[in-house]
PDB file of N, CA and C in Angstrom:
ATOM      1  N   MET A   1     -11.743  25.223 -83.514  1.00  0.00           N
ATOM      2  CA  MET A   1     -10.536  24.505 -83.893  1.00  0.00           C
ATOM      3  C   MET A   1     -10.342  24.769 -85.384  1.00  0.00           C
ATOM      4  N   TYR A   2      -9.081  25.043 -85.704  1.00  0.00           N
ATOM      5  CA  TYR A   2      -8.732  25.191 -87.148  1.00  0.00           C
ATOM      6  C   TYR A   2      -8.687  23.817 -87.862  1.00  0.00           C
ATOM      7  N   ILE A   3      -9.336  23.692 -88.963  1.00  0.00           N
ATOM      8  CA  ILE A   3      -9.246  22.460 -89.722  1.00  0.00           C
ATOM      9  C   ILE A   3      -8.385  22.621 -90.984  1.00  0.00           C
ATOM     10  N   CYS A   4      -8.341  23.874 -91.492  1.00  0.00           N
ATOM     11  CA  CYS A   4      -7.521  24.212 -92.628  1.00  0.00           C
ATOM     12  C   CYS A   4      -6.554  25.350 -92.292  1.00  0.00           C
ATOM     13  N   VAL A   5      -5.336  24.952 -92.002  1.00  0.00           N
ATOM     14  CA  VAL A   5      -4.364  25.964 -91.613  1.00  0.00           C
ATOM     15  C   VAL A   5      -3.965  26.804 -92.769  1.00  0.00           C
ATOM     16  N   CYS A   6      -3.876  26.225 -93.979  1.00  0.00           N
ATOM     17  CA  CYS A   6      -3.453  26.981 -95.139  1.00  0.00           C
ATOM     18  C   CYS A   6      -4.387  28.162 -95.432  1.00  0.00           C
ATOM     19  N   SER A   7      -5.662  27.983 -95.233  1.00  0.00           N
ATOM     20  CA  SER A   7      -6.703  29.000 -95.521  1.00  0.00           C
ATOM     21  C   SER A   7      -7.159  29.643 -94.225  1.00  0.00           C
ATOM     22  N   GLY A   8      -6.803  29.120 -93.061  1.00  0.00           N
ATOM     23  CA  GLY A   8      -7.279  29.724 -91.794  1.00  0.00           C
ATOM     24  C   GLY A   8      -8.761  29.491 -91.531  1.00  0.00           C
ATOM     25  N   VAL A   9      -9.272  28.308 -91.906  1.00  0.00           N
ATOM     26  CA  VAL A   9     -10.680  27.984 -91.775  1.00  0.00           C
ATOM     27  C   VAL A   9     -10.920  27.138 -90.539  1.00  0.00           C
ATOM     28  N   THR A  10     -11.927  27.553 -89.798  1.00  0.00           N
ATOM     29  CA  THR A  10     -12.269  26.856 -88.537  1.00  0.00           C
ATOM     30  C   THR A  10     -13.447  25.840 -88.801  1.00  0.00           C
ATOM     31  N   GLU A  11     -13.525  24.907 -87.855  1.00  0.00           N
ATOM     32  CA  GLU A  11     -14.660  23.975 -87.883  1.00  0.00           C
ATOM     33  C   GLU A  11     -15.989  24.665 -87.916  1.00  0.00           C
ATOM     34  N   GLN A  12     -16.121  25.717 -87.105  1.00  0.00           N
ATOM     35  CA  GLN A  12     -17.371  26.464 -87.086  1.00  0.00           C
ATOM     36  C   GLN A  12     -17.731  27.126 -88.452  1.00  0.00           C
ATOM     37  N   GLN A  13     -16.680  27.628 -89.125  1.00  0.00           N
ATOM     38  CA  GLN A  13     -16.885  28.218 -90.436  1.00  0.00           C
ATOM     39  C   GLN A  13     -17.383  27.165 -91.432  1.00  0.00           C
ATOM     40  N   VAL A  14     -16.876  25.945 -91.328  1.00  0.00           N
ATOM     41  CA  VAL A  14     -17.347  24.831 -92.205  1.00  0.00           C
ATOM     42  C   VAL A  14     -18.784  24.550 -91.847  1.00  0.00           C
ATOM     43  N   ARG A  15     -19.060  24.385 -90.600  1.00  0.00           N
ATOM     44  CA  ARG A  15     -20.464  24.045 -90.189  1.00  0.00           C
ATOM     45  C   ARG A  15     -21.410  25.155 -90.653  1.00  0.00           C
ATOM     46  N   ASP A  16     -21.029  26.392 -90.533  1.00  0.00           N
ATOM     47  CA  ASP A  16     -21.916  27.527 -90.967  1.00  0.00           C
ATOM     48  C   ASP A  16     -22.110  27.498 -92.443  1.00  0.00           C
ATOM     49  N   ALA A  17     -21.066  27.172 -93.240  1.00  0.00           N
ATOM     50  CA  ALA A  17     -21.127  27.079 -94.695  1.00  0.00           C
ATOM     51  C   ALA A  17     -22.134  25.986 -95.110  1.00  0.00           C
ATOM     52  N   VAL A  18     -22.067  24.842 -94.355  1.00  0.00           N
ATOM     53  CA  VAL A  18     -22.972  23.690 -94.670  1.00  0.00           C
ATOM     54  C   VAL A  18     -24.460  24.144 -94.387  1.00  0.00           C
ATOM     55  N   CYS A  19     -24.643  24.835 -93.281  1.00  0.00           N
ATOM     56  CA  CYS A  19     -25.943  25.316 -92.980  1.00  0.00           C
ATOM     57  C   CYS A  19     -26.400  26.306 -94.010  1.00  0.00           C
ATOM     58  N   ASP A  20     -25.493  27.009 -94.699  1.00  0.00           N
ATOM     59  CA  ASP A  20     -25.854  27.961 -95.786  1.00  0.00           C
ATOM     60  C   ASP A  20     -25.961  27.306 -97.155  1.00  0.00           C
ATOM     61  N   GLY A  21     -25.784  25.993 -97.196  1.00  0.00           N
ATOM     62  CA  GLY A  21     -26.004  25.324 -98.460  1.00  0.00           C
ATOM     63  C   GLY A  21     -24.806  24.735 -99.164  1.00  0.00           C
ATOM     64  N   ALA A  22     -23.662  24.693 -98.525  1.00  0.00           N
ATOM     65  CA  ALA A  22     -22.506  24.043 -99.117  1.00  0.00           C
ATOM     66  C   ALA A  22     -22.588  22.565 -98.788  1.00  0.00           C
ATOM     67  N   PHE A  23     -22.956  21.739 -99.697  1.00  0.00           N
ATOM     68  CA  PHE A  23     -23.261  20.314 -99.416  1.00  0.00           C
ATOM     69  C   PHE A  23     -22.154  19.347 -99.975  1.00  0.00           C
ATOM     70  N   SER A  24     -20.967  19.876-100.299  1.00  0.00           N
ATOM     71  CA  SER A  24     -19.880  19.061-100.800  1.00  0.00           C
ATOM     72  C   SER A  24     -18.571  19.731-100.369  1.00  0.00           C
ATOM     73  N   VAL A  25     -17.516  18.903-100.337  1.00  0.00           N
ATOM     74  CA  VAL A  25     -16.190  19.480-100.070  1.00  0.00           C
ATOM     75  C   VAL A  25     -15.793  20.483-101.146  1.00  0.00           C
ATOM     76  N   ASN A  26     -16.171  20.193-102.391  1.00  0.00           N
ATOM     77  CA  ASN A  26     -15.857  21.144-103.485  1.00  0.00           C
ATOM     78  C   ASN A  26     -16.563  22.447-103.281  1.00  0.00           C
ATOM     79  N   GLU A  27     -17.759  22.464-102.763  1.00  0.00           N
ATOM     80  CA  GLU A  27     -18.444  23.721-102.446  1.00  0.00           C
ATOM     81  C   GLU A  27     -17.790  24.420-101.315  1.00  0.00           C
ATOM     82  N   LEU A  28     -17.353  23.662-100.318  1.00  0.00           N
ATOM     83  CA  LEU A  28     -16.620  24.264 -99.155  1.00  0.00           C
ATOM     84  C   LEU A  28     -15.329  24.885 -99.658  1.00  0.00           C
ATOM     85  N   SER A  29     -14.658  24.206-100.564  1.00  0.00           N
ATOM     86  CA  SER A  29     -13.414  24.693-101.108  1.00  0.00           C
ATOM     87  C   SER A  29     -13.625  26.037-101.862  1.00  0.00           C
ATOM     88  N   ALA A  30     -14.705  26.080-102.629  1.00  0.00           N
ATOM     89  CA  ALA A  30     -15.058  27.251-103.394  1.00  0.00           C
ATOM     90  C   ALA A  30     -15.365  28.418-102.461  1.00  0.00           C
ATOM     91  N   ARG A  31     -16.121  28.160-101.409  1.00  0.00           N
ATOM     92  CA  ARG A  31     -16.562  29.231-100.508  1.00  0.00           C
ATOM     93  C   ARG A  31     -15.491  29.628 -99.513  1.00  0.00           C
ATOM     94  N   LEU A  32     -14.750  28.649 -98.953  1.00  0.00           N
ATOM     95  CA  LEU A  32     -13.873  28.910 -97.844  1.00  0.00           C
ATOM     96  C   LEU A  32     -12.400  28.728 -98.131  1.00  0.00           C
ATOM     97  N   GLY A  33     -12.100  27.999 -99.225  1.00  0.00           N
ATOM     98  CA  GLY A  33     -10.699  27.680 -99.511  1.00  0.00           C
ATOM     99  C   GLY A  33     -10.213  26.402 -98.847  1.00  0.00           C
ATOM    100  N   VAL A  34     -11.104  25.608 -98.270  1.00  0.00           N
ATOM    101  CA  VAL A  34     -10.759  24.364 -97.688  1.00  0.00           C
ATOM    102  C   VAL A  34     -10.230  23.435 -98.704  1.00  0.00           C
ATOM    103  N   ALA A  35      -9.124  22.765 -98.444  1.00  0.00           N
ATOM    104  CA  ALA A  35      -8.506  21.782 -99.322  1.00  0.00           C
ATOM    105  C   ALA A  35      -8.090  22.354-100.686  1.00  0.00           C
ATOM    106  N   ALA A  36      -7.902  23.662-100.742  1.00  0.00           N
ATOM    107  CA  ALA A  36      -7.498  24.321-101.998  1.00  0.00           C
ATOM    108  C   ALA A  36      -6.011  24.389-102.141  1.00  0.00           C
ATOM    109  N   ALA A  37      -5.299  24.244-101.036  1.00  0.00           N
ATOM    110  CA  ALA A  37      -3.819  24.354-101.146  1.00  0.00           C
ATOM    111  C   ALA A  37      -3.183  22.933-101.022  1.00  0.00           C
ATOM    112  N   CYS A  38      -2.845  22.547 -99.792  1.00  0.00           N
ATOM    113  CA  CYS A  38      -2.086  21.225 -99.675  1.00  0.00           C
ATOM    114  C   CYS A  38      -3.051  20.054 -99.656  1.00  0.00           C
ATOM    115  N   GLY A  39      -4.337  20.217 -99.288  1.00  0.00           N
ATOM    116  CA  GLY A  39      -5.304  19.170 -99.354  1.00  0.00           C
ATOM    117  C   GLY A  39      -5.334  18.243 -98.048  1.00  0.00           C
ATOM    118  N   CYS A  40      -4.456  18.515 -97.111  1.00  0.00           N
ATOM    119  CA  CYS A  40      -4.382  17.673 -95.939  1.00  0.00           C
ATOM    120  C   CYS A  40      -5.670  17.704 -95.142  1.00  0.00           C
ATOM    121  N   CYS A  41      -6.429  18.768 -95.241  1.00  0.00           N
ATOM    122  CA  CYS A  41      -7.681  18.876 -94.397  1.00  0.00           C
ATOM    123  C   CYS A  41      -8.895  18.289 -95.108  1.00  0.00           C
ATOM    124  N   ARG A  42      -8.779  17.834 -96.320  1.00  0.00           N
ATOM    125  CA  ARG A  42      -9.941  17.338 -97.054  1.00  0.00           C
ATOM    126  C   ARG A  42     -10.769  16.278 -96.326  1.00  0.00           C
ATOM    127  N   ALA A  43     -10.067  15.302 -95.777  1.00  0.00           N
ATOM    128  CA  ALA A  43     -10.830  14.214 -95.062  1.00  0.00           C
ATOM    129  C   ALA A  43     -11.559  14.786 -93.831  1.00  0.00           C
ATOM    130  N   LEU A  44     -10.918  15.661 -93.118  1.00  0.00           N
ATOM    131  CA  LEU A  44     -11.556  16.290 -91.920  1.00  0.00           C
ATOM    132  C   LEU A  44     -12.741  17.130 -92.329  1.00  0.00           C
ATOM    133  N   ALA A  45     -12.546  17.878 -93.406  1.00  0.00           N
ATOM    134  CA  ALA A  45     -13.655  18.717 -93.935  1.00  0.00           C
ATOM    135  C   ALA A  45     -14.839  17.838 -94.303  1.00  0.00           C
ATOM    136  N   ALA A  46     -14.592  16.735 -94.941  1.00  0.00           N
ATOM    137  CA  ALA A  46     -15.669  15.790 -95.389  1.00  0.00           C
ATOM    138  C   ALA A  46     -16.335  15.189 -94.129  1.00  0.00           C
ATOM    139  N   GLN A  47     -15.589  14.939 -93.087  1.00  0.00           N
ATOM    140  CA  GLN A  47     -16.176  14.367 -91.892  1.00  0.00           C
ATOM    141  C   GLN A  47     -17.105  15.422 -91.226  1.00  0.00           C
ATOM    142  N   ILE A  48     -16.632  16.646 -91.117  1.00  0.00           N
ATOM    143  CA  ILE A  48     -17.433  17.685 -90.541  1.00  0.00           C
ATOM    144  C   ILE A  48     -18.672  17.964 -91.368  1.00  0.00           C
ATOM    145  N   LEU A  49     -18.497  17.961 -92.688  1.00  0.00           N
ATOM    146  CA  LEU A  49     -19.619  18.118 -93.620  1.00  0.00           C
ATOM    147  C   LEU A  49     -20.690  17.066 -93.335  1.00  0.00           C
ATOM    148  N   ASP A  50     -20.257  15.798 -93.293  1.00  0.00           N
ATOM    149  CA  ASP A  50     -21.210  14.683 -93.096  1.00  0.00           C
ATOM    150  C   ASP A  50     -21.856  14.744 -91.739  1.00  0.00           C
ATOM    151  N   GLU A  51     -21.131  15.136 -90.720  1.00  0.00           N
ATOM    152  CA  GLU A  51     -21.696  15.256 -89.373  1.00  0.00           C
ATOM    153  C   GLU A  51     -22.771  16.343 -89.347  1.00  0.00           C
ATOM    154  N   THR A  52     -22.454  17.464 -90.053  1.00  0.00           N
ATOM    155  CA  THR A  52     -23.395  18.591 -90.034  1.00  0.00           C
ATOM    156  C   THR A  52     -24.617  18.262 -90.810  1.00  0.00           C
ATOM    157  N   LEU A  53     -24.409  17.589 -91.969  1.00  0.00           N
ATOM    158  CA  LEU A  53     -25.568  17.177 -92.784  1.00  0.00           C
ATOM    159  C   LEU A  53     -26.503  16.226 -92.011  1.00  0.00           C
ATOM    160  N   GLN A  54     -25.907  15.357 -91.197  1.00  0.00           N
ATOM    161  CA  GLN A  54     -26.644  14.381 -90.386  1.00  0.00           C
ATOM    162  C   GLN A  54     -27.471  15.108 -89.366  1.00  0.00           C
ATOM    163  N   VAL A  55     -26.860  16.120 -88.688  1.00  0.00           N
ATOM    164  CA  VAL A  55     -27.588  16.927 -87.685  1.00  0.00           C
ATOM    165  C   VAL A  55     -28.751  17.626 -88.332  1.00  0.00           C
ATOM    166  N   LEU A  56     -28.543  18.108 -89.619  1.00  0.00           N
ATOM    167  CA  LEU A  56     -29.624  18.814 -90.312  1.00  0.00           C
ATOM    168  C   LEU A  56     -30.682  17.848 -90.835  1.00  0.00           C
ATOM    169  N   GLY A  57     -30.375  16.566 -90.758  1.00  0.00           N
ATOM    170  CA  GLY A  57     -31.301  15.582 -91.317  1.00  0.00           C
ATOM    171  C   GLY A  57     -31.229  15.449 -92.818  1.00  0.00           C
ATOM    172  N   LEU A  58     -30.082  15.787 -93.385  1.00  0.00           N
ATOM    173  CA  LEU A  58     -29.890  15.616 -94.830  1.00  0.00           C
ATOM    174  C   LEU A  58     -28.968  14.456 -95.081  1.00  0.00           C
ATOM    175  N   PRO A  59     -29.047  13.881 -96.324  1.00  0.00           N
ATOM    176  CA  PRO A  59     -28.130  12.729 -96.580  1.00  0.00           C
ATOM    177  C   PRO A  59     -26.735  13.166 -96.715  1.00  0.00           C
ATOM    178  N   GLU A  60     -25.799  12.270 -96.281  1.00  0.00           N
ATOM    179  CA  GLU A  60     -24.401  12.499 -96.485  1.00  0.00           C
ATOM    180  C   GLU A  60     -24.022  12.616 -97.980  1.00  0.00           C
ATOM    181  N   ASN A  61     -23.051  13.417 -98.238  1.00  0.00           N
ATOM    182  CA  ASN A  61     -22.705  13.631 -99.691  1.00  0.00           C
ATOM    183  C   ASN A  61     -21.193  13.416 -99.922  1.00  0.00           C
ATOM    184  N   ARG A  62     -20.611  12.339 -99.465  1.00  0.00           N
ATOM    185  CA  ARG A  62     -19.213  12.127 -99.680  1.00  0.00           C
ATOM    186  C   ARG A  62     -18.855  11.896-101.137  1.00  0.00           C
ATOM    187  N   ALA A  63     -19.764  11.384-101.951  1.00  0.00           N
ATOM    188  CA  ALA A  63     -19.475  11.151-103.320  1.00  0.00           C
ATOM    189  C   ALA A  63     -19.062  12.489-104.035  1.00  0.00           C
ATOM    190  N   ALA A  64     -19.544  13.567-103.614  1.00  0.00           N
ATOM    191  CA  ALA A  64     -19.215  14.872-104.216  1.00  0.00           C
ATOM    192  C   ALA A  64     -17.953  15.444-103.638  1.00  0.00           C
ATOM    193  N   ALA A  65     -17.379  14.785-102.635  1.00  0.00           N
ATOM    194  CA  ALA A  65     -16.216  15.280-101.925  1.00  0.00           C
ATOM    195  C   ALA A  65     -15.033  15.082-102.868  1.00  0.00           C
TER     196      ALA A  65
END
């Protein structure tokens, strides 16, 4: 599923980036372009980030979002 239409980023790309060490929405934005244009996807990106961190057993990092 696409979560960022502006940059053409999928949910799987976000999950993969988190697994590769992107632990904040700002890092996702730098790596993938998420929330870099209109910002409408920022909340969904943060949710997917938190879900993936939880699966990995790492603390959520919304403060850095």
